[in-house]
Amino acid sequence: MKYVLDASVAICWVIPRPLSSKAIGLRDEYQQQIHELLAPAIFIDEVAGALTKAERQKDIAIGQAAPLYAKVMNNPPVLIAHAALIARAIDISSRTRSGYYDCLYVALAEQEGCPLITADQKSINNLTPHFPFVTPLASLP
């Protein structure tokens, strides 16, 4: 199965969260080539930003962002240039009042005709009513 992977799921790979076991299971199946995982190229920045934020919020120790980032990037999803998605992401953001970066993931999933997997409850709440292919990580087996 092909999925677009939100950065929130990758964070669950390296920082213990309630959905980490599901996220790790999805990553393991990706490594076994059971699934294809895609993300817009901004994924790398979102992962780095989330990890440095986790340091600031004391969820992880200072100095852990870099090695955890390297761990995620050891086997990242296929990164897709997002310039062609910008106009659609702006439209989605304007219509749904959702964050632009979240909408880049939606635009990619729409383009690829596949589900977007996310662990971000705010994105799920804002985007699922408009885009039923936005899939909570929690709903995966």
Protein backbone atom coordinates (compact mmCIF):
# COMPACT_ATOMS: atom_id res chain seq x y z
CA MET A 1 0.00 0.00 0.00
CA LYS A 2 1.17 3.54 -0.74
CA TYR A 3 0.84 6.18 1.98
CA VAL A 4 1.84 9.79 2.43
CA LEU A 5 3.50 9.98 5.83
CA ASP A 6 3.10 13.03 8.05
CA ALA A 7 6.15 14.05 10.09
CA SER A 8 4.12 13.47 13.28
CA VAL A 9 4.26 9.74 12.58
CA ALA A 10 8.03 9.76 12.14
CA ILE A 11 8.39 11.54 15.49
CA CYS A 12 6.59 8.56 17.04
CA TRP A 13 9.43 6.38 15.71
CA VAL A 14 11.97 8.06 17.97
CA ILE A 15 10.09 9.66 20.88
CA PRO A 16 7.84 7.40 22.92
CA ARG A 17 4.22 8.35 22.31
CA PRO A 18 0.94 6.47 22.82
CA LEU A 19 0.92 5.58 19.09
CA SER A 20 4.62 4.69 18.79
CA SER A 21 3.97 0.96 18.40
CA LYS A 22 1.69 1.61 15.40
CA ALA A 23 4.19 4.06 13.89
CA ILE A 24 7.07 1.62 14.33
CA GLY A 25 4.98 -1.18 12.84
CA LEU A 26 4.32 0.97 9.77
CA ARG A 27 8.03 1.82 9.49
CA ASP A 28 8.99 -1.85 9.82
CA GLU A 29 6.54 -2.81 7.06
CA TYR A 30 8.01 -0.01 4.90
CA GLN A 31 11.50 -1.42 5.49
CA GLN A 32 10.17 -4.84 4.45
CA GLN A 33 8.78 -3.18 1.28
CA ILE A 34 5.20 -4.03 2.23
CA HIS A 35 4.28 -0.34 1.99
CA GLU A 36 5.54 2.64 0.02
CA LEU A 37 5.89 5.81 2.12
CA LEU A 38 6.04 9.26 0.53
CA ALA A 39 6.33 12.75 1.99
CA PRO A 40 6.82 16.25 0.64
CA ALA A 41 10.45 17.35 0.94
CA ILE A 42 9.52 19.69 3.82
CA PHE A 43 9.26 16.50 5.90
CA ILE A 44 12.95 16.84 6.76
CA ASP A 45 12.43 20.35 8.15
CA GLU A 46 9.29 19.38 10.03
CA VAL A 47 11.05 16.45 11.69
CA ALA A 48 14.01 18.65 12.67
CA GLY A 49 11.66 21.34 13.99
CA ALA A 50 9.60 18.87 16.01
CA LEU A 51 12.72 17.36 17.57
CA THR A 52 14.22 20.70 18.56
CA LYS A 53 10.82 21.69 19.98
CA ALA A 54 10.82 18.45 21.99
CA GLU A 55 14.18 19.52 23.44
CA ARG A 56 12.81 22.95 24.39
CA GLN A 57 9.77 21.36 26.01
CA LYS A 58 12.04 18.91 27.86
CA ASP A 59 10.40 15.87 26.25
CA ILE A 60 13.91 14.80 25.26
CA ALA A 61 17.31 15.80 26.62
CA ILE A 62 19.23 18.71 25.12
CA GLY A 63 21.51 17.29 22.43
CA GLN A 64 19.17 14.43 21.49
CA ALA A 65 17.50 16.17 18.53
CA ALA A 66 20.45 15.58 16.18
CA PRO A 67 20.90 11.83 16.82
CA LEU A 68 17.13 11.24 16.74
CA TYR A 69 16.92 13.18 13.46
CA ALA A 70 19.68 10.97 12.06
CA LYS A 71 17.73 7.92 13.18
CA VAL A 72 14.60 9.08 11.30
CA MET A 73 16.65 9.97 8.23
CA ASN A 74 18.32 6.56 8.28
CA ASN A 75 15.26 5.25 6.40
CA PRO A 76 13.03 8.21 5.50
CA PRO A 77 9.99 8.09 3.25
CA VAL A 78 10.57 8.91 -0.41
CA LEU A 79 10.81 12.69 -0.46
CA ILE A 80 8.88 14.46 -3.20
CA ALA A 81 9.69 17.99 -4.39
CA HIS A 82 6.73 20.09 -3.38
CA ALA A 83 6.90 23.14 -5.67
CA ALA A 84 4.15 21.70 -7.88
CA LEU A 85 1.94 21.25 -4.79
CA ILE A 86 2.14 24.83 -3.49
CA ALA A 87 -0.89 26.29 -5.29
CA ARG A 88 -3.11 23.39 -4.24
CA ALA A 89 -1.80 23.51 -0.66
CA ILE A 90 -2.60 27.23 -0.46
CA ASP A 91 -6.12 26.54 -1.73
CA ILE A 92 -6.65 23.74 0.79
CA SER A 93 -5.25 25.90 3.61
CA SER A 94 -7.54 28.79 2.70
CA ARG A 95 -10.64 26.60 2.44
CA THR A 96 -10.07 24.55 5.59
CA ARG A 97 -8.30 27.15 7.75
CA SER A 98 -5.55 24.57 8.27
CA GLY A 99 -1.80 25.10 8.42
CA TYR A 100 -0.09 25.39 5.06
CA TYR A 101 2.54 22.74 5.78
CA ASP A 102 -0.15 20.21 6.75
CA CYS A 103 -1.88 21.01 3.49
CA LEU A 104 1.24 20.14 1.47
CA TYR A 105 0.88 16.59 2.78
CA VAL A 106 -2.82 16.60 1.84
CA ALA A 107 -2.03 17.89 -1.65
CA LEU A 108 0.55 15.15 -2.14
CA ALA A 109 -1.85 12.44 -0.96
CA GLU A 110 -4.52 13.84 -3.27
CA GLN A 111 -2.08 13.85 -6.19
CA GLU A 112 -0.91 10.30 -5.46
CA GLY A 113 -4.43 8.99 -4.80
CA CYS A 114 -3.47 7.45 -1.49
CA PRO A 115 -4.13 7.90 2.24
CA LEU A 116 -2.28 10.45 4.34
CA ILE A 117 -1.29 8.90 7.68
CA THR A 118 -1.00 11.36 10.55
CA ALA A 119 -0.71 11.29 14.33
CA ASP A 120 -1.64 14.99 14.55
CA GLN A 121 -5.12 15.19 16.07
CA LYS A 122 -5.56 18.83 15.05
CA SER A 123 -4.94 17.89 11.40
CA ILE A 124 -7.33 14.96 11.71
CA ASN A 125 -10.04 17.21 13.14
CA ASN A 126 -9.55 20.00 10.58
CA LEU A 127 -8.92 18.01 7.43
CA THR A 128 -10.81 14.71 7.60
CA PRO A 129 -14.23 16.33 7.07
CA HIS A 130 -12.95 17.69 3.74
CA PHE A 131 -10.55 14.91 2.78
CA PRO A 132 -11.65 11.45 3.91
CA PHE A 133 -8.28 10.01 2.87
CA VAL A 134 -6.68 11.75 5.87
CA THR A 135 -6.20 8.72 8.10
CA PRO A 136 -5.39 8.71 11.80
CA LEU A 137 -2.39 6.58 12.70
CA ALA A 138 -4.56 5.16 15.49
CA SER A 139 -6.88 3.56 12.92
CA LEU A 140 -4.14 1.38 11.42
CA PRO A 141 -4.12 -2.28 12.49
